Structures are given as structure tokens and as C-alpha cells.
Amino acid sequence: MLEKIRVIFTIPELRRKIFLTLVLLAIFRIGYHIDLPVVDSSQLDTQSQQSQGALDSLLNQAAIFSASDLRQMTIFGLGIMPYISASIIFQLLASCWAPLEKLQKEGESGRKKINEYTRYATIALCVFQSWFYLIAMSKMHQGFFLPQFCNEAGQLTLFWQFTAVFTMTCGTAFLMWLGEQIDAYGIGNGISLLIMAGILARMPHPIIELAAKFQKEGIQVSGGETSVASLVVLVALFVGVITGVVFITLGQRRIPSQSAKHVRGKRVYGGMRHYLPMKVNQAGVMPIIFASSLLMIPAYLFHGFQGHQYLGWLYDMFSHDALFSYNAMYIALIFFFCYFWTAVTFNPKDMADNLKSNGTIIRGHRPGKQTADYLEKVMIHITYVGAGFLAVVAIMPTLVANYMHVNQDLASFYGGTSLLIAVSVAFDLVQKIDSHLLMRNMKGLLEK
């Protein structure tokens, strides 16, 4: 493996792409720590550590797939989340709105037009989300704006509110541009790498906290979060979860297919047997994102009923502390969104038509409707397996945090959105590096 890594950096083009990607990611991480000019950062840090509740939990959850820390007001405070939201909206619209569906089928020119609309929608979402974010943070934290930018009531003046919204909007637009530069001149998917960089940057902090606690309490044979037995179980569990995520992420159902023979002159083309790969986890990480975001909304809305004599059960039902009710609804929503997202992104009729136009058949099934019905049946079966896997991975952090008595930030790396994104992006990056190596007749990183 070390020899393969050395070979990668001997290729000038690939080395230049990797270094450019690292430089752009470093720029992102620098901007990640630059506070808005209107914020008293010391006051915000103190209150962020003390803040609890549904809004803080919602911001912490959203920070995983936005490549930012929404509890800190920085120039990249919104992260890349508005762009992701706009992309999801247009992807959903392209499957049910005829003009966008037609535009999507036009090929490269149509995709460029949709990307242009996505950028415009991202700016509009940035303005709305940054304004709402500014209001929400001002209510959650009191007195963290610098006095010279506030009125007599301690609130930001209208001009400085506009300045903060404009700054965060420009920050997200700059991150969107960084992602596009990585796509064009670097290696890997730019937006995905930004999200992965944000996830990996969150890992050292809980590990350092655990090590400090281990050093303070001393070595214990058993019992407690910092005991040797607990650490061994956590390491073994982490390796097991990573192995399962890799196995399901790469898992495929290969359907045998055969192309028709074509005689042109004295040569015969086609007639080869192939496999039609269908991913077990067709929906990817989207069901977990949708389910977790949807469950955070009632927890925030019913937060005022916490401890109420008659209506307190509404908050308790959607709270993370209610293991059974919360996880049951979480699993149900994951299964629902798995089938929903698969139905949106996978069209068996179009796939059957493409196979028919290319002269390819699935053995034992007639081209056309019978092939489409068979593909839909197979996708329903394997989606059930993928949804079950996503459900196990999604509830793993909650189980680890409650039964192993581990910090929630550390437990989040044993499953959920962050682990799936990190593994998926890592494999995509390795595959793109392998494509450069294979073009030069070299062995890839994944090749034995």
C-alpha cells in the first residue's frame, strides 16, 4: 500500500490535482474559524457550551451535513447546506415536473441549465436561512453582539443585520465556488469533500476529551466510560460498524443480461453476456438526513411543553431520551424515505426502454413492460435490505451513548449520517484516483 501511495505522487498531473484539492480544503478550514464581525466570540463560546435544548440539538444535527458548526456564527456559518437543499429540490422536481424532466434528458446542456437554476436557488435560500439563523441565534444566546453594532435594546441595527446576512450568503457562495474548482481542477467531488472535511475535523475533539478523562480517572479494569473493557468494546464496535458500512455501500445485486448480435459486413458485434448492477443502498444517506431533520421539528415545536403536567408527553415522545418511541419513529421514517427516494431516483421503465433500445435483454424476461416489472420487483426487495441496514446504522449512536455511557459527540462516529458520508466520499475519492492510475496501466489502490 505504501508503494502504491508513493506511485500516486510520482504522476505530475495527479500530484498537482491532490495538492490543489488540499489547498482549497485548507482555505475552507481557515474560513471556518473566522467569526462574523458583529459577534463577540468569547461570549458566544461561553454560552454555546451552556446551551441545551431542541434548537441546539437541531443545529448540531444539521452541522453534520452542512460542513459547518451552526452553533458558531462565522462567515461560513451556513456551510454548504443551502446548496444541498437546492440540489435536492431540483432533483425532486426533475422527477415530477415535465419542463425540468425534459431539460434533464437533453444531456450535458440540460444539466448545465439545471445547475445554473440550482445556484440561483442557493442564493435565495441563503438569504432566507441566514436571516432566520440570525434571529434564532439572537434568541438562543443573549448579549453576544458587540455593543457598537447594536441599538439601545441590545439588538443589531438593520444595517448590520443586512451586513451579517450578506456576509453569510457570500460565504456559502464562496464554498459553492470552492467545490466547483475542486470538481474542475482537483480530485474527487468538491461538495462531498467539503462535507467530509467538516466531519473529520469534528473527530479529534471528543477523542481528546475521552483521553483526558482516561488520564484523570486512571486505568480501570471494568466499569465506567474510561475502563479498559469499555474501550476495547468501543474499538471492536467501531471496526465492526465500519466493515458493515463498507460491505453495504459496495453491495450490489447483479442481474445477468445479454446483448443482441449485430452483423455488419463480415463482422459480428454484440452477443456478450453482462451484468446489470443494482446497488443495495440505492438511496444512500438521504433517508437518514430526511428522517433526522423531520424528527427534530416536533422536538423543537414541543420544547415549551417540557415538564408540563398534561402536555409534557408530547416533548418526551420526540426527545432523544425516549429510546423506544424516538427510535421506533426514526426507523419507520427511514424505511419510508428509503422507498420514496428510490422511487424518485430509480425509474425501471426508463431503464427497460434503454436496455431495449441498446439491444440488451434480461434473460427470462421479455423487453419492455415485463423487464420493467422485474426490475421494480428486484429493487423493492433489495431496498428493504438497504433500509434495514440504514436503520441499524442510524440508531447505533443512540444505543452506544445510552448503554455504553459515551459522550454523544463520540458516539455519533459509530453510525448515522457522518459515518455513511465519510465512507461513501472516501470510496469515491479512491475510485477517481484509481481511474488515473488505470489510464497509465498502473495498479489501482483497491486492486489486489
Protein backbone atom coordinates (compact mmCIF):
# COMPACT_ATOMS: atom_id res chain seq x y z
CA MET A 1 0.00 0.00 0.00
CA LEU A 2 2.82 2.44 0.81
CA GLU A 3 4.37 1.73 -2.58
CA LYS A 4 1.04 2.48 -4.31
CA ILE A 5 0.74 5.77 -2.44
CA ARG A 6 4.30 6.65 -3.46
CA VAL A 7 3.45 5.94 -7.10
CA ILE A 8 0.49 8.33 -6.91
CA PHE A 9 2.77 11.27 -6.11
CA THR A 10 5.16 10.38 -8.94
CA ILE A 11 2.49 11.29 -11.52
CA PRO A 12 2.74 15.10 -12.05
CA GLU A 13 -0.90 15.64 -13.10
CA LEU A 14 -2.33 13.59 -10.24
CA ARG A 15 0.06 15.15 -7.72
CA ARG A 16 -0.99 18.63 -8.84
CA LYS A 17 -4.68 17.76 -8.51
CA ILE A 18 -4.21 16.34 -4.99
CA PHE A 19 -2.19 19.34 -3.76
CA LEU A 20 -4.70 21.80 -5.24
CA THR A 21 -7.54 19.95 -3.51
CA LEU A 22 -5.69 20.05 -0.18
CA VAL A 23 -5.02 23.80 -0.55
CA LEU A 24 -8.70 24.54 -1.28
CA LEU A 25 -9.79 22.42 1.70
CA ALA A 26 -7.30 24.31 3.88
CA ILE A 27 -8.85 27.61 2.74
CA PHE A 28 -12.26 26.23 3.74
CA ARG A 29 -10.98 25.27 7.20
CA ILE A 30 -9.43 28.72 7.71
CA GLY A 31 -12.70 30.48 6.89
CA TYR A 32 -14.49 28.02 9.16
CA HIS A 33 -12.91 29.75 12.19
CA ILE A 34 -13.43 33.39 11.11
CA ASP A 35 -16.28 34.91 13.14
CA LEU A 36 -18.74 37.44 11.80
CA PRO A 37 -17.50 40.98 12.56
CA VAL A 38 -20.61 41.76 14.67
CA VAL A 39 -20.15 38.83 17.09
CA ASP A 40 -18.41 38.77 20.45
CA SER A 41 -16.76 35.37 20.00
CA SER A 42 -15.76 34.91 23.67
CA GLN A 43 -19.35 35.47 24.82
CA LEU A 44 -20.68 33.12 22.13
CA ASP A 45 -18.25 30.33 23.08
CA THR A 46 -19.28 30.55 26.74
CA GLN A 47 -23.00 30.45 26.02
CA SER A 48 -22.65 27.72 23.35
CA GLN A 49 -21.11 25.37 25.90
CA GLN A 50 -24.01 26.00 28.29
CA SER A 51 -26.83 25.89 25.75
CA GLN A 52 -29.03 22.86 25.63
CA GLY A 53 -32.38 22.09 24.10
CA ALA A 54 -34.08 21.21 20.86
CA LEU A 55 -32.76 24.14 18.80
CA ASP A 56 -29.17 23.45 19.83
CA SER A 57 -29.68 19.76 19.03
CA LEU A 58 -31.17 20.67 15.66
CA LEU A 59 -28.20 22.90 14.82
CA ASN A 60 -25.78 20.18 15.90
CA GLN A 61 -27.53 17.60 13.70
CA ALA A 62 -27.68 19.91 10.69
CA ALA A 63 -23.99 20.77 11.11
CA ILE A 64 -23.05 17.19 10.16
CA PHE A 65 -24.13 17.52 6.53
CA SER A 66 -23.60 21.28 6.11
CA ALA A 67 -19.77 21.31 6.57
CA SER A 68 -20.03 23.91 9.33
CA ASP A 69 -20.75 24.40 13.01
CA LEU A 70 -24.11 26.13 13.13
CA ARG A 71 -23.64 26.90 16.83
CA GLN A 72 -20.85 29.35 15.91
CA MET A 73 -21.59 32.45 13.83
CA THR A 74 -18.78 32.51 11.27
CA ILE A 75 -18.52 33.70 7.68
CA PHE A 76 -19.18 30.08 6.65
CA GLY A 77 -21.93 29.77 9.26
CA LEU A 78 -24.49 28.26 6.86
CA GLY A 79 -21.94 25.91 5.33
CA ILE A 80 -22.94 24.20 2.13
CA MET A 81 -26.43 23.28 3.38
CA PRO A 82 -28.37 25.78 1.16
CA TYR A 83 -26.72 24.32 -1.95
CA ILE A 84 -27.57 20.78 -0.86
CA SER A 85 -31.17 21.81 -0.16
CA ALA A 86 -31.47 23.46 -3.58
CA SER A 87 -29.97 20.39 -5.29
CA ILE A 88 -32.45 18.07 -3.55
CA ILE A 89 -35.36 20.34 -4.50
CA PHE A 90 -34.41 20.36 -8.19
CA GLN A 91 -33.75 16.62 -8.18
CA LEU A 92 -37.24 16.01 -6.82
CA LEU A 93 -38.80 18.49 -9.25
CA ALA A 94 -37.00 16.88 -12.20
CA SER A 95 -38.82 13.62 -11.47
CA CYS A 96 -42.33 15.09 -11.33
CA TRP A 97 -42.30 18.39 -13.31
CA ALA A 98 -42.36 17.97 -17.08
CA PRO A 99 -40.22 21.02 -18.11
CA LEU A 100 -37.36 20.06 -15.78
CA GLU A 101 -37.70 16.38 -16.71
CA LYS A 102 -37.39 17.33 -20.37
CA LEU A 103 -34.43 19.57 -19.62
CA GLN A 104 -32.70 16.75 -17.72
CA LYS A 105 -32.98 14.45 -20.75
CA GLU A 106 -31.20 16.96 -23.02
CA GLY A 107 -27.83 15.73 -21.80
CA GLU A 108 -24.92 17.94 -20.80
CA SER A 109 -26.55 21.23 -21.89
CA GLY A 110 -29.66 20.43 -19.85
CA ARG A 111 -27.63 19.56 -16.76
CA LYS A 112 -25.71 22.85 -17.04
CA LYS A 113 -29.00 24.75 -17.18
CA ILE A 114 -30.31 22.90 -14.10
CA ASN A 115 -27.03 23.64 -12.27
CA GLU A 116 -27.48 27.32 -13.11
CA TYR A 117 -31.01 27.30 -11.66
CA THR A 118 -29.64 25.48 -8.59
CA ARG A 119 -27.10 28.26 -7.98
CA TYR A 120 -29.79 30.94 -8.17
CA ALA A 121 -31.99 28.96 -5.77
CA THR A 122 -28.99 28.56 -3.43
CA ILE A 123 -28.55 32.34 -3.16
CA ALA A 124 -32.27 32.79 -2.43
CA LEU A 125 -32.15 30.08 0.25
CA CYS A 126 -29.01 31.67 1.74
CA VAL A 127 -30.76 34.99 2.24
CA PHE A 128 -33.77 33.36 3.91
CA GLN A 129 -31.82 30.86 6.04
CA SER A 130 -29.19 33.38 7.17
CA TRP A 131 -31.89 35.83 8.30
CA PHE A 132 -33.76 33.10 10.20
CA TYR A 133 -30.46 31.81 11.60
CA LEU A 134 -29.51 35.28 12.82
CA ILE A 135 -32.86 35.71 14.60
CA ALA A 136 -32.75 32.19 16.13
CA MET A 137 -29.19 32.61 17.43
CA SER A 138 -30.01 36.03 18.92
CA LYS A 139 -32.87 34.44 20.89
CA MET A 140 -30.84 31.41 21.97
CA HIS A 141 -27.80 33.47 23.09
CA GLN A 142 -28.22 36.80 24.83
CA GLY A 143 -25.70 39.63 24.65
CA PHE A 144 -23.12 38.21 22.28
CA PHE A 145 -23.32 41.02 19.69
CA LEU A 146 -20.71 43.75 20.04
CA PRO A 147 -22.27 46.88 21.63
CA GLN A 148 -21.13 49.25 18.88
CA PHE A 149 -23.30 47.42 16.34
CA CYS A 150 -26.45 47.27 18.49
CA ASN A 151 -29.27 49.67 19.32
CA GLU A 152 -30.42 50.59 22.82
CA ALA A 153 -32.39 47.33 23.15
CA GLY A 154 -29.24 45.28 22.55
CA GLN A 155 -30.33 44.11 19.08
CA LEU A 156 -28.37 44.52 15.87
CA THR A 157 -29.29 47.55 13.83
CA LEU A 158 -30.91 46.95 10.45
CA PHE A 159 -27.73 47.86 8.57
CA TRP A 160 -25.60 45.37 10.49
CA GLN A 161 -28.29 42.69 10.16
CA PHE A 162 -28.09 43.18 6.40
CA THR A 163 -24.27 43.06 6.63
CA ALA A 164 -24.35 39.75 8.53
CA VAL A 165 -26.85 38.21 6.07
CA PHE A 166 -24.79 39.42 3.10
CA THR A 167 -21.56 38.04 4.62
CA MET A 168 -23.01 34.57 5.28
CA THR A 169 -24.59 34.48 1.81
CA CYS A 170 -21.24 35.34 0.23
CA GLY A 171 -19.58 32.70 2.41
CA THR A 172 -21.88 29.95 1.13
CA ALA A 173 -21.46 31.18 -2.46
CA PHE A 174 -17.68 31.04 -1.98
CA LEU A 175 -17.92 27.45 -0.65
CA MET A 176 -20.03 26.55 -3.69
CA TRP A 177 -17.31 28.04 -5.91
CA LEU A 178 -14.62 26.10 -4.00
CA GLY A 179 -16.50 22.86 -4.62
CA GLU A 180 -16.74 23.62 -8.34
CA GLN A 181 -13.00 24.37 -8.51
CA ILE A 182 -12.24 21.01 -6.89
CA ASP A 183 -14.53 19.32 -9.44
CA ALA A 184 -12.83 21.08 -12.36
CA TYR A 185 -9.17 21.15 -11.34
CA GLY A 186 -8.83 18.91 -8.28
CA ILE A 187 -9.66 15.30 -7.49
CA GLY A 188 -12.98 14.00 -6.17
CA ASN A 189 -16.40 15.57 -5.74
CA GLY A 190 -15.89 19.06 -4.32
CA ILE A 191 -19.09 19.45 -2.30
CA SER A 192 -18.75 15.96 -0.82
CA LEU A 193 -15.13 16.60 0.15
CA LEU A 194 -16.11 19.82 1.94
CA ILE A 195 -18.70 17.90 3.96
CA MET A 196 -16.22 15.12 4.70
CA ALA A 197 -13.61 17.66 5.83
CA GLY A 198 -16.12 19.14 8.25
CA ILE A 199 -16.96 15.68 9.64
CA LEU A 200 -13.33 14.63 10.08
CA ALA A 201 -12.50 17.95 11.76
CA ARG A 202 -15.08 17.13 14.46
CA MET A 203 -13.47 13.79 15.34
CA PRO A 204 -10.39 14.83 17.38
CA HIS A 205 -12.32 16.87 19.98
CA PRO A 206 -14.38 14.03 21.59
CA ILE A 207 -11.39 11.67 21.36
CA ILE A 208 -9.17 14.21 23.17
CA GLU A 209 -11.87 14.65 25.82
CA LEU A 210 -12.07 10.89 26.33
CA ALA A 211 -8.26 10.63 26.60
CA ALA A 212 -8.17 13.47 29.14
CA LYS A 213 -10.88 11.78 31.18
CA PHE A 214 -8.99 8.48 30.99
CA GLN A 215 -5.83 10.18 32.23
CA LYS A 216 -7.68 11.96 35.04
CA GLU A 217 -9.62 8.94 36.35
CA GLY A 218 -6.80 6.45 35.83
CA ILE A 219 -6.90 2.96 34.34
CA GLN A 220 -9.89 0.88 35.42
CA VAL A 221 -10.32 -2.76 34.56
CA SER A 222 -14.09 -2.57 34.25
CA GLY A 223 -16.95 -0.19 34.91
CA GLY A 224 -17.32 3.36 33.69
CA GLU A 225 -16.81 5.04 30.34
CA THR A 226 -13.00 5.08 30.61
CA SER A 227 -12.45 1.47 31.67
CA VAL A 228 -10.23 -0.81 29.60
CA ALA A 229 -13.14 -3.17 28.91
CA SER A 230 -15.33 -0.32 27.62
CA LEU A 231 -12.56 1.00 25.36
CA VAL A 232 -11.94 -2.47 23.89
CA VAL A 233 -15.66 -2.89 23.20
CA LEU A 234 -15.85 0.57 21.61
CA VAL A 235 -12.88 -0.10 19.32
CA ALA A 236 -14.26 -3.50 18.28
CA LEU A 237 -17.71 -1.99 17.69
CA PHE A 238 -16.22 0.83 15.62
CA VAL A 239 -14.32 -1.62 13.39
CA GLY A 240 -17.45 -3.77 13.01
CA VAL A 241 -19.64 -0.82 12.03
CA ILE A 242 -17.06 0.42 9.50
CA THR A 243 -16.87 -3.08 7.97
CA GLY A 244 -20.65 -3.26 7.70
CA VAL A 245 -20.89 0.19 6.13
CA VAL A 246 -18.24 -0.68 3.53
CA PHE A 247 -19.93 -4.01 2.77
CA ILE A 248 -23.39 -2.49 2.22
CA THR A 249 -22.07 0.61 0.42
CA LEU A 250 -20.34 -1.56 -2.18
CA GLY A 251 -23.07 -4.25 -2.16
CA GLN A 252 -24.77 -4.92 -5.49
CA ARG A 253 -27.39 -7.23 -6.94
CA ARG A 254 -26.02 -8.27 -10.34
CA ILE A 255 -28.72 -9.18 -12.85
CA PRO A 256 -27.48 -11.27 -15.81
CA SER A 257 -28.12 -9.61 -19.18
CA GLN A 258 -27.18 -10.35 -22.76
CA SER A 259 -26.74 -8.03 -25.73
CA ALA A 260 -28.07 -8.94 -29.18
CA LYS A 261 -25.77 -9.83 -32.05
CA HIS A 262 -25.30 -7.34 -34.89
CA VAL A 263 -23.81 -8.35 -38.23
CA ARG A 264 -22.01 -5.55 -40.05
CA GLY A 265 -20.25 -6.68 -43.17
CA LYS A 266 -18.26 -9.75 -42.25
CA ARG A 267 -18.04 -8.90 -38.55
CA VAL A 268 -20.40 -9.88 -35.75
CA TYR A 269 -20.82 -7.45 -32.87
CA GLY A 270 -22.53 -7.96 -29.53
CA GLY A 271 -23.79 -11.24 -28.20
CA MET A 272 -21.83 -10.75 -24.98
CA ARG A 273 -23.11 -11.58 -21.52
CA HIS A 274 -23.04 -8.78 -18.98
CA TYR A 275 -24.32 -7.95 -15.53
CA LEU A 276 -26.68 -5.12 -14.69
CA PRO A 277 -25.52 -3.86 -11.24
CA MET A 278 -28.17 -2.59 -8.82
CA LYS A 279 -26.94 -1.07 -5.56
CA VAL A 280 -28.32 -2.45 -2.33
CA ASN A 281 -28.25 1.01 -0.75
CA GLN A 282 -29.70 2.88 -3.71
CA ALA A 283 -30.92 5.81 -1.59
CA GLY A 284 -27.53 6.49 0.02
CA VAL A 285 -27.55 8.73 3.05
CA MET A 286 -30.62 10.78 2.08
CA PRO A 287 -33.20 8.78 4.16
CA ILE A 288 -31.23 9.39 7.37
CA ILE A 289 -30.93 13.10 6.59
CA PHE A 290 -34.66 13.43 5.89
CA ALA A 291 -35.74 11.33 8.89
CA SER A 292 -33.46 13.01 11.43
CA SER A 293 -34.36 16.50 10.19
CA LEU A 294 -38.09 15.73 10.28
CA LEU A 295 -37.91 14.37 13.85
CA MET A 296 -36.08 17.49 15.06
CA ILE A 297 -39.01 19.75 14.09
CA PRO A 298 -41.60 18.40 16.59
CA ALA A 299 -38.93 18.26 19.31
CA TYR A 300 -38.32 21.97 18.75
CA LEU A 301 -42.03 22.86 18.50
CA PHE A 302 -42.96 20.95 21.67
CA HIS A 303 -39.95 22.14 23.64
CA GLY A 304 -42.16 24.59 25.54
CA PHE A 305 -44.21 21.66 26.92
CA GLN A 306 -41.21 20.12 28.66
CA GLY A 307 -42.20 19.27 32.23
CA HIS A 308 -45.86 20.25 31.65
CA GLN A 309 -48.35 18.31 33.74
CA TYR A 310 -50.65 17.32 30.88
CA LEU A 311 -48.75 18.02 27.62
CA GLY A 312 -45.22 17.06 28.68
CA TRP A 313 -45.60 13.68 26.96
CA LEU A 314 -45.53 15.42 23.57
CA TYR A 315 -41.95 16.58 24.14
CA ASP A 316 -40.93 13.32 25.82
CA MET A 317 -42.13 11.30 22.82
CA PHE A 318 -39.83 13.12 20.36
CA SER A 319 -36.89 13.56 22.74
CA HIS A 320 -33.64 11.62 22.30
CA ASP A 321 -34.08 10.38 25.86
CA ALA A 322 -37.21 8.40 24.87
CA LEU A 323 -35.33 5.46 23.39
CA PHE A 324 -38.29 3.33 22.28
CA SER A 325 -40.69 5.92 20.85
CA TYR A 326 -37.98 8.07 19.24
CA ASN A 327 -36.11 5.15 17.65
CA ALA A 328 -39.34 3.48 16.50
CA MET A 329 -40.40 6.63 14.64
CA TYR A 330 -36.83 7.08 13.36
CA ILE A 331 -36.76 3.56 11.88
CA ALA A 332 -40.23 3.95 10.35
CA LEU A 333 -39.26 7.23 8.67
CA ILE A 334 -36.01 5.74 7.36
CA PHE A 335 -37.90 2.87 5.70
CA PHE A 336 -40.42 5.33 4.23
CA PHE A 337 -37.80 7.70 2.83
CA CYS A 338 -35.70 4.78 1.51
CA TYR A 339 -38.57 3.67 -0.72
CA PHE A 340 -39.56 7.25 -1.51
CA TRP A 341 -36.06 8.34 -2.58
CA THR A 342 -35.51 5.11 -4.54
CA ALA A 343 -38.81 5.67 -6.38
CA VAL A 344 -37.69 9.21 -7.23
CA THR A 345 -34.18 8.36 -8.45
CA PHE A 346 -34.77 4.90 -9.97
CA ASN A 347 -37.15 4.57 -12.93
CA PRO A 348 -37.48 0.92 -14.03
CA LYS A 349 -39.48 1.88 -17.14
CA ASP A 350 -36.72 4.18 -18.45
CA MET A 351 -34.09 1.55 -17.68
CA ALA A 352 -36.08 -1.13 -19.51
CA ASP A 353 -36.50 1.20 -22.51
CA ASN A 354 -32.76 1.93 -22.57
CA LEU A 355 -31.95 -1.78 -22.48
CA LYS A 356 -34.41 -2.40 -25.31
CA SER A 357 -33.01 0.42 -27.47
CA ASN A 358 -29.46 -0.92 -26.94
CA GLY A 359 -30.48 -4.42 -27.93
CA THR A 360 -29.88 -5.83 -24.44
CA ILE A 361 -32.23 -8.26 -22.72
CA ILE A 362 -32.50 -9.76 -19.25
CA ARG A 363 -32.60 -13.50 -19.67
CA GLY A 364 -36.01 -14.98 -18.93
CA HIS A 365 -37.89 -11.69 -19.34
CA ARG A 366 -39.30 -10.01 -22.42
CA PRO A 367 -38.12 -6.49 -23.29
CA GLY A 368 -40.44 -3.69 -22.26
CA LYS A 369 -43.05 -3.91 -19.52
CA GLN A 370 -42.06 -7.38 -18.28
CA THR A 371 -38.46 -6.27 -17.83
CA ALA A 372 -39.58 -3.09 -16.05
CA ASP A 373 -41.81 -5.09 -13.68
CA TYR A 374 -38.94 -7.46 -12.90
CA LEU A 375 -36.51 -4.60 -12.20
CA GLU A 376 -39.06 -2.93 -9.93
CA LYS A 377 -39.62 -6.17 -8.02
CA VAL A 378 -35.87 -6.67 -7.51
CA MET A 379 -35.41 -3.07 -6.37
CA ILE A 380 -38.23 -3.39 -3.81
CA HIS A 381 -36.56 -6.47 -2.32
CA ILE A 382 -33.04 -5.07 -2.09
CA THR A 383 -34.31 -1.67 -0.86
CA TYR A 384 -35.80 -3.47 2.15
CA VAL A 385 -32.33 -4.83 2.97
CA GLY A 386 -30.71 -1.42 2.47
CA ALA A 387 -33.35 0.30 4.62
CA GLY A 388 -32.81 -2.22 7.42
CA PHE A 389 -29.08 -1.57 7.30
CA LEU A 390 -29.58 2.22 7.37
CA ALA A 391 -31.92 1.86 10.35
CA VAL A 392 -29.30 -0.12 12.32
CA VAL A 393 -26.55 2.38 11.48
CA ALA A 394 -28.82 5.35 12.31
CA ILE A 395 -29.77 4.21 15.82
CA MET A 396 -26.28 2.93 16.65
CA PRO A 397 -25.05 6.30 18.10
CA THR A 398 -28.07 6.49 20.43
CA LEU A 399 -27.55 2.92 21.65
CA VAL A 400 -23.82 3.46 22.18
CA ALA A 401 -24.39 6.74 24.04
CA ASN A 402 -27.03 5.28 26.37
CA TYR A 403 -25.78 1.77 27.06
CA MET A 404 -22.02 2.41 26.89
CA HIS A 405 -22.32 5.80 28.65
CA VAL A 406 -20.26 7.51 25.95
CA ASN A 407 -20.28 11.19 25.04
CA GLN A 408 -22.86 11.89 22.30
CA ASP A 409 -20.27 13.54 20.00
CA LEU A 410 -18.03 10.48 20.22
CA ALA A 411 -20.97 8.09 19.78
CA SER A 412 -22.02 9.88 16.58
CA PHE A 413 -19.00 8.41 14.79
CA TYR A 414 -20.34 4.88 15.37
CA GLY A 415 -23.08 5.36 12.82
CA GLY A 416 -25.56 7.79 11.38
CA THR A 417 -25.04 10.40 8.73
CA SER A 418 -21.40 11.23 9.43
CA LEU A 419 -20.08 7.68 9.06
CA LEU A 420 -22.01 6.96 5.86
CA ILE A 421 -20.89 10.22 4.25
CA ALA A 422 -17.25 9.70 5.23
CA VAL A 423 -17.14 6.13 3.87
CA SER A 424 -19.01 6.99 0.64
CA VAL A 425 -16.82 10.01 -0.13
CA ALA A 426 -13.64 8.07 0.69
CA PHE A 427 -14.56 5.31 -1.76
CA ASP A 428 -15.50 7.83 -4.45
CA LEU A 429 -12.13 9.56 -3.98
CA VAL A 430 -10.20 6.26 -4.16
CA GLN A 431 -12.08 5.21 -7.30
CA LYS A 432 -11.23 8.50 -9.04
CA ILE A 433 -7.56 8.12 -8.11
CA ASP A 434 -7.70 4.55 -9.43
CA SER A 435 -9.09 5.77 -12.75
CA HIS A 436 -5.98 7.96 -13.21
CA LEU A 437 -3.71 5.02 -12.36
CA LEU A 438 -5.51 2.59 -14.68
CA MET A 439 -5.23 5.04 -17.58
CA ARG A 440 -1.44 4.74 -17.16
CA ASN A 441 -1.57 0.94 -16.91
CA MET A 442 -0.79 1.01 -13.16
CA LYS A 443 -2.37 -0.97 -10.37
CA GLY A 444 -5.16 0.80 -8.51
CA LEU A 445 -5.36 1.26 -4.75
CA LEU A 446 -8.20 -1.26 -4.49
CA GLU A 447 -6.58 -3.80 -6.81
CA LYS A 448 -5.02 -6.82 -5.12
